[in-house]
Amino acid sequence: MLTEKKRKAIEFLEKLVYGRESIESLNKKLSEHFGEKIEVENVSKSREEAGDPDELVDYNLMFNSENEETYGYFDIYILPMRREGHDGATMFITEIGWEFD
């Protein structure tokens, strides 16, 4: 069952879709919203390191919320930008996913 806090978390995450961010700005926004220190992990990094930097495939950032009211696992799918934007953005957010416990 979705509580009001979980519903607000989903709404917040959905508003990130089609936005441009950097890892730093994304971590800051997530930390402020969830009320805890959040640092996303690029779980697609191994693909880059293996020499497969397919720029047409979404990358996957993941994080967990340890907050009792929003405890769960979250995915943020991104496309890396070829160069940093005028606003410091380095990625374009394409989709989000979540699983609450």
C-alpha atoms as a PDB file:
ATOM      1  CA  MET A   1       0.000   0.000   0.000  1.00  0.00           C
ATOM      2  CA  LEU A   2       1.262   3.452  -0.887  1.00  0.00           C
ATOM      3  CA  THR A   3       1.394   5.923   1.966  1.00  0.00           C
ATOM      4  CA  GLU A   4       1.256   9.666   1.380  1.00  0.00           C
ATOM      5  CA  LYS A   5       5.062   9.918   1.838  1.00  0.00           C
ATOM      6  CA  LYS A   6       5.659   7.192  -0.752  1.00  0.00           C
ATOM      7  CA  ARG A   7       3.217   8.808  -3.165  1.00  0.00           C
ATOM      8  CA  LYS A   8       5.053  12.139  -2.778  1.00  0.00           C
ATOM      9  CA  ALA A   9       8.386  10.394  -3.394  1.00  0.00           C
ATOM     10  CA  ILE A  10       7.042   8.916  -6.637  1.00  0.00           C
ATOM     11  CA  GLU A  11       5.680  12.294  -7.747  1.00  0.00           C
ATOM     12  CA  PHE A  12       9.038  13.928  -6.984  1.00  0.00           C
ATOM     13  CA  LEU A  13      10.936  11.285  -8.975  1.00  0.00           C
ATOM     14  CA  GLU A  14       8.516  11.474 -11.911  1.00  0.00           C
ATOM     15  CA  LYS A  15       9.167  15.225 -12.133  1.00  0.00           C
ATOM     16  CA  LEU A  16      12.873  14.500 -12.677  1.00  0.00           C
ATOM     17  CA  VAL A  17      12.098  12.648 -15.944  1.00  0.00           C
ATOM     18  CA  TYR A  18      13.078  14.612 -19.074  1.00  0.00           C
ATOM     19  CA  GLY A  19      15.282  16.832 -16.951  1.00  0.00           C
ATOM     20  CA  ARG A  20      19.016  17.470 -17.170  1.00  0.00           C
ATOM     21  CA  GLU A  21      21.222  16.984 -14.125  1.00  0.00           C
ATOM     22  CA  SER A  22      24.749  16.268 -12.966  1.00  0.00           C
ATOM     23  CA  ILE A  23      25.483  13.538 -10.418  1.00  0.00           C
ATOM     24  CA  GLU A  24      26.117  16.226  -7.810  1.00  0.00           C
ATOM     25  CA  SER A  25      22.878  18.137  -8.451  1.00  0.00           C
ATOM     26  CA  LEU A  26      20.878  14.901  -8.555  1.00  0.00           C
ATOM     27  CA  ASN A  27      22.360  13.678  -5.255  1.00  0.00           C
ATOM     28  CA  LYS A  28      21.572  17.046  -3.662  1.00  0.00           C
ATOM     29  CA  LYS A  29      17.933  17.029  -4.848  1.00  0.00           C
ATOM     30  CA  LEU A  30      17.419  13.427  -3.755  1.00  0.00           C
ATOM     31  CA  SER A  31      19.020  14.035  -0.346  1.00  0.00           C
ATOM     32  CA  GLU A  32      16.854  17.095   0.258  1.00  0.00           C
ATOM     33  CA  HIS A  33      13.651  15.313  -0.743  1.00  0.00           C
ATOM     34  CA  PHE A  34      14.262  12.074   1.150  1.00  0.00           C
ATOM     35  CA  GLY A  35      15.760  13.797   4.206  1.00  0.00           C
ATOM     36  CA  GLU A  36      18.869  11.618   4.224  1.00  0.00           C
ATOM     37  CA  LYS A  37      22.219  11.528   2.439  1.00  0.00           C
ATOM     38  CA  ILE A  38      21.679   9.933  -0.978  1.00  0.00           C
ATOM     39  CA  GLU A  39      24.462   9.094  -3.413  1.00  0.00           C
ATOM     40  CA  VAL A  40      23.411   7.401  -6.619  1.00  0.00           C
ATOM     41  CA  GLU A  41      25.560   4.575  -7.926  1.00  0.00           C
ATOM     42  CA  ASN A  42      26.210   4.190 -11.637  1.00  0.00           C
ATOM     43  CA  VAL A  43      25.643   0.460 -12.080  1.00  0.00           C
ATOM     44  CA  SER A  44      26.334   0.808 -15.811  1.00  0.00           C
ATOM     45  CA  LYS A  45      29.947   1.825 -15.167  1.00  0.00           C
ATOM     46  CA  SER A  46      31.149  -1.733 -15.815  1.00  0.00           C
ATOM     47  CA  ARG A  47      29.785  -1.486 -19.362  1.00  0.00           C
ATOM     48  CA  GLU A  48      31.869   1.638 -19.961  1.00  0.00           C
ATOM     49  CA  GLU A  49      34.955   0.032 -18.465  1.00  0.00           C
ATOM     50  CA  ALA A  50      34.490  -3.010 -20.725  1.00  0.00           C
ATOM     51  CA  GLY A  51      34.738  -0.723 -23.765  1.00  0.00           C
ATOM     52  CA  ASP A  52      31.031  -0.704 -24.649  1.00  0.00           C
ATOM     53  CA  PRO A  53      30.065   2.983 -24.399  1.00  0.00           C
ATOM     54  CA  ASP A  54      26.866   2.694 -26.462  1.00  0.00           C
ATOM     55  CA  GLU A  55      25.490   6.219 -26.270  1.00  0.00           C
ATOM     56  CA  LEU A  56      22.066   5.084 -27.491  1.00  0.00           C
ATOM     57  CA  VAL A  57      21.430   2.833 -24.481  1.00  0.00           C
ATOM     58  CA  ASP A  58      20.119   4.124 -21.163  1.00  0.00           C
ATOM     59  CA  TYR A  59      22.477   3.954 -18.213  1.00  0.00           C
ATOM     60  CA  ASN A  60      21.191   2.934 -14.805  1.00  0.00           C
ATOM     61  CA  LEU A  61      21.732   4.853 -11.582  1.00  0.00           C
ATOM     62  CA  MET A  62      20.529   3.232  -8.366  1.00  0.00           C
ATOM     63  CA  PHE A  63      20.027   4.286  -4.772  1.00  0.00           C
ATOM     64  CA  ASN A  64      18.305   3.088  -1.610  1.00  0.00           C
ATOM     65  CA  SER A  65      16.271   5.037   0.912  1.00  0.00           C
ATOM     66  CA  GLU A  66      16.849   3.970   4.498  1.00  0.00           C
ATOM     67  CA  ASN A  67      14.199   6.390   5.767  1.00  0.00           C
ATOM     68  CA  GLU A  68      11.488   4.401   7.541  1.00  0.00           C
ATOM     69  CA  GLU A  69       8.681   6.188   5.653  1.00  0.00           C
ATOM     70  CA  THR A  70      10.191   5.749   2.183  1.00  0.00           C
ATOM     71  CA  TYR A  71      12.346   2.643   2.640  1.00  0.00           C
ATOM     72  CA  GLY A  72      12.963   1.103  -0.769  1.00  0.00           C
ATOM     73  CA  TYR A  73      15.078   0.714  -3.878  1.00  0.00           C
ATOM     74  CA  PHE A  74      15.136   3.181  -6.751  1.00  0.00           C
ATOM     75  CA  ASP A  75      16.390   3.234 -10.339  1.00  0.00           C
ATOM     76  CA  ILE A  76      17.017   6.324 -12.432  1.00  0.00           C
ATOM     77  CA  TYR A  77      17.670   5.698 -16.109  1.00  0.00           C
ATOM     78  CA  ILE A  78      19.755   8.294 -17.908  1.00  0.00           C
ATOM     79  CA  LEU A  79      21.450   9.104 -21.181  1.00  0.00           C
ATOM     80  CA  PRO A  80      24.905  10.626 -20.641  1.00  0.00           C
ATOM     81  CA  MET A  81      25.419  13.885 -22.517  1.00  0.00           C
ATOM     82  CA  ARG A  82      28.335  14.099 -24.951  1.00  0.00           C
ATOM     83  CA  ARG A  83      29.550  17.279 -23.282  1.00  0.00           C
ATOM     84  CA  GLU A  84      28.636  19.211 -20.173  1.00  0.00           C
ATOM     85  CA  GLY A  85      25.745  21.605 -20.678  1.00  0.00           C
ATOM     86  CA  HIS A  86      25.817  25.327 -19.959  1.00  0.00           C
ATOM     87  CA  ASP A  87      24.047  24.556 -16.669  1.00  0.00           C
ATOM     88  CA  GLY A  88      26.588  21.894 -15.604  1.00  0.00           C
ATOM     89  CA  ALA A  89      24.290  19.021 -16.587  1.00  0.00           C
ATOM     90  CA  THR A  90      25.962  15.800 -17.713  1.00  0.00           C
ATOM     91  CA  MET A  91      22.919  13.533 -18.134  1.00  0.00           C
ATOM     92  CA  PHE A  92      19.346  13.458 -19.387  1.00  0.00           C
ATOM     93  CA  ILE A  93      16.893  11.508 -17.203  1.00  0.00           C
ATOM     94  CA  THR A  94      14.670   9.186 -19.238  1.00  0.00           C
ATOM     95  CA  GLU A  95      12.807   7.019 -16.752  1.00  0.00           C
ATOM     96  CA  ILE A  96      12.533   6.108 -13.086  1.00  0.00           C
ATOM     97  CA  GLY A  97      11.620   2.955 -11.220  1.00  0.00           C
ATOM     98  CA  TRP A  98      10.958   2.137  -7.581  1.00  0.00           C
ATOM     99  CA  GLU A  99      10.211  -0.718  -5.220  1.00  0.00           C
ATOM    100  CA  PHE A 100       9.074  -0.019  -1.670  1.00  0.00           C
ATOM    101  CA  ASP A 101       9.453  -2.594   1.086  1.00  0.00           C
END
